[in-house]
Structure formats: structure tokens, C-alpha cells
Amino acid sequence: MSSIRDFVFGRVLPKAYEDEAAAWAELKNTLAERLRAASEAGTSATPVSQLTEETLKGHGKDKS
């Protein structure tokens, strides 16, 4: 089922609409893969603040 927006963009700006549709599809696939990986990996007991600090140190952006 198409919306009026889809119809208009498809007729008026077909290339831009195709690019947007491709970007949305890529985003959906990326998020679905990350959600699947996260659900398989389980949870971590490490606090978010500690993970953030470790990540920043790894990128040379130490908070201290």
C-alpha cells in the first residue's frame, strides 16, 4: 500500500526517492542485525558509565 507521499516523491523526484528508500532499507537491515546480535549476546553486568569510559580511552578521549 502506497501513501500519497510515496506517489508524489516517486513521480516528482524519482531518484531522490529511490535514494531515500535505499537508505531506509539499509537502516532497517542494520538495526535488525544489531538487535539480533544483541539478543543473542545477552546482557552485561558492566555499568554504562564504565563502558563509556573504556571506549573513550580506547579512542584517545579520556574524560579525566
C-alpha atoms as a PDB file:
ATOM      1  CA  MET A   1       0.000   0.000   0.000  1.00  0.00           C
ATOM      2  CA  SER A   2       1.482   3.334  -1.077  1.00  0.00           C
ATOM      3  CA  SER A   3       0.856   6.669   0.507  1.00  0.00           C
ATOM      4  CA  ILE A   4       0.277   9.936  -1.309  1.00  0.00           C
ATOM      5  CA  ARG A   5       3.782  10.940  -0.205  1.00  0.00           C
ATOM      6  CA  ASP A   6       5.253   7.831  -1.845  1.00  0.00           C
ATOM      7  CA  PHE A   7       3.342   8.537  -5.050  1.00  0.00           C
ATOM      8  CA  VAL A   8       4.377  12.199  -5.221  1.00  0.00           C
ATOM      9  CA  PHE A   9       8.030  11.536  -4.458  1.00  0.00           C
ATOM     10  CA  GLY A  10       8.063   8.672  -6.939  1.00  0.00           C
ATOM     11  CA  ARG A  11       6.689  10.931  -9.691  1.00  0.00           C
ATOM     12  CA  VAL A  12       8.341  14.268  -8.912  1.00  0.00           C
ATOM     13  CA  LEU A  13      11.712  13.215  -7.516  1.00  0.00           C
ATOM     14  CA  PRO A  14      12.195   9.570  -8.506  1.00  0.00           C
ATOM     15  CA  LYS A  15      15.991   9.487  -7.994  1.00  0.00           C
ATOM     16  CA  ALA A  16      15.846  11.202  -4.595  1.00  0.00           C
ATOM     17  CA  TYR A  17      13.012   8.904  -3.555  1.00  0.00           C
ATOM     18  CA  GLU A  18      14.962   5.807  -4.625  1.00  0.00           C
ATOM     19  CA  ASP A  19      17.980   7.007  -2.633  1.00  0.00           C
ATOM     20  CA  GLU A  20      15.799   7.639   0.429  1.00  0.00           C
ATOM     21  CA  ALA A  21      14.115   4.253   0.091  1.00  0.00           C
ATOM     22  CA  ALA A  22      17.504   2.546  -0.202  1.00  0.00           C
ATOM     23  CA  ALA A  23      18.791   4.407   2.852  1.00  0.00           C
ATOM     24  CA  TRP A  24      15.741   3.384   4.892  1.00  0.00           C
ATOM     25  CA  ALA A  25      16.113  -0.237   3.794  1.00  0.00           C
ATOM     26  CA  GLU A  26      19.801  -0.211   4.757  1.00  0.00           C
ATOM     27  CA  LEU A  27      18.993   1.330   8.143  1.00  0.00           C
ATOM     28  CA  LYS A  28      16.275  -1.259   8.804  1.00  0.00           C
ATOM     29  CA  ASN A  29      18.634  -4.100   7.916  1.00  0.00           C
ATOM     30  CA  THR A  30      21.432  -2.687  10.073  1.00  0.00           C
ATOM     31  CA  LEU A  31      19.153  -2.215  13.078  1.00  0.00           C
ATOM     32  CA  ALA A  32      17.612  -5.667  12.660  1.00  0.00           C
ATOM     33  CA  GLU A  33      21.092  -7.229  12.588  1.00  0.00           C
ATOM     34  CA  ARG A  34      22.191  -5.290  15.687  1.00  0.00           C
ATOM     35  CA  LEU A  35      19.035  -6.261  17.571  1.00  0.00           C
ATOM     36  CA  ARG A  36      19.546  -9.912  16.628  1.00  0.00           C
ATOM     37  CA  ALA A  37      23.191  -9.811  17.738  1.00  0.00           C
ATOM     38  CA  ALA A  38      22.287  -8.068  20.996  1.00  0.00           C
ATOM     39  CA  SER A  39      19.581 -10.585  21.832  1.00  0.00           C
ATOM     40  CA  GLU A  40      21.984 -13.474  21.190  1.00  0.00           C
ATOM     41  CA  ALA A  41      24.790 -11.895  23.223  1.00  0.00           C
ATOM     42  CA  GLY A  42      22.698 -11.361  26.337  1.00  0.00           C
ATOM     43  CA  THR A  43      23.264  -8.656  28.914  1.00  0.00           C
ATOM     44  CA  SER A  44      26.348  -7.255  30.576  1.00  0.00           C
ATOM     45  CA  ALA A  45      26.843  -6.542  34.277  1.00  0.00           C
ATOM     46  CA  THR A  46      29.216  -3.684  33.403  1.00  0.00           C
ATOM     47  CA  PRO A  47      27.689  -0.234  34.023  1.00  0.00           C
ATOM     48  CA  VAL A  48      27.190   2.033  31.006  1.00  0.00           C
ATOM     49  CA  SER A  49      29.445   4.671  32.581  1.00  0.00           C
ATOM     50  CA  GLN A  50      32.333   2.190  32.734  1.00  0.00           C
ATOM     51  CA  LEU A  51      31.767   1.054  29.154  1.00  0.00           C
ATOM     52  CA  THR A  52      31.741   4.702  28.039  1.00  0.00           C
ATOM     53  CA  GLU A  53      34.990   5.465  29.860  1.00  0.00           C
ATOM     54  CA  GLU A  54      36.692   2.393  28.388  1.00  0.00           C
ATOM     55  CA  THR A  55      35.504   3.310  24.896  1.00  0.00           C
ATOM     56  CA  LEU A  56      36.678   6.906  25.222  1.00  0.00           C
ATOM     57  CA  LYS A  57      40.095   5.764  26.498  1.00  0.00           C
ATOM     58  CA  GLY A  58      40.351   3.411  23.525  1.00  0.00           C
ATOM     59  CA  HIS A  59      39.762   6.352  21.187  1.00  0.00           C
ATOM     60  CA  GLY A  60      42.213   8.649  22.994  1.00  0.00           C
ATOM     61  CA  LYS A  61      39.452  10.763  24.503  1.00  0.00           C
ATOM     62  CA  ASP A  62      39.914  10.076  28.187  1.00  0.00           C
ATOM     63  CA  LYS A  63      37.422  12.033  30.338  1.00  0.00           C
ATOM     64  CA  SER A  64      39.921  12.700  33.156  1.00  0.00           C
END
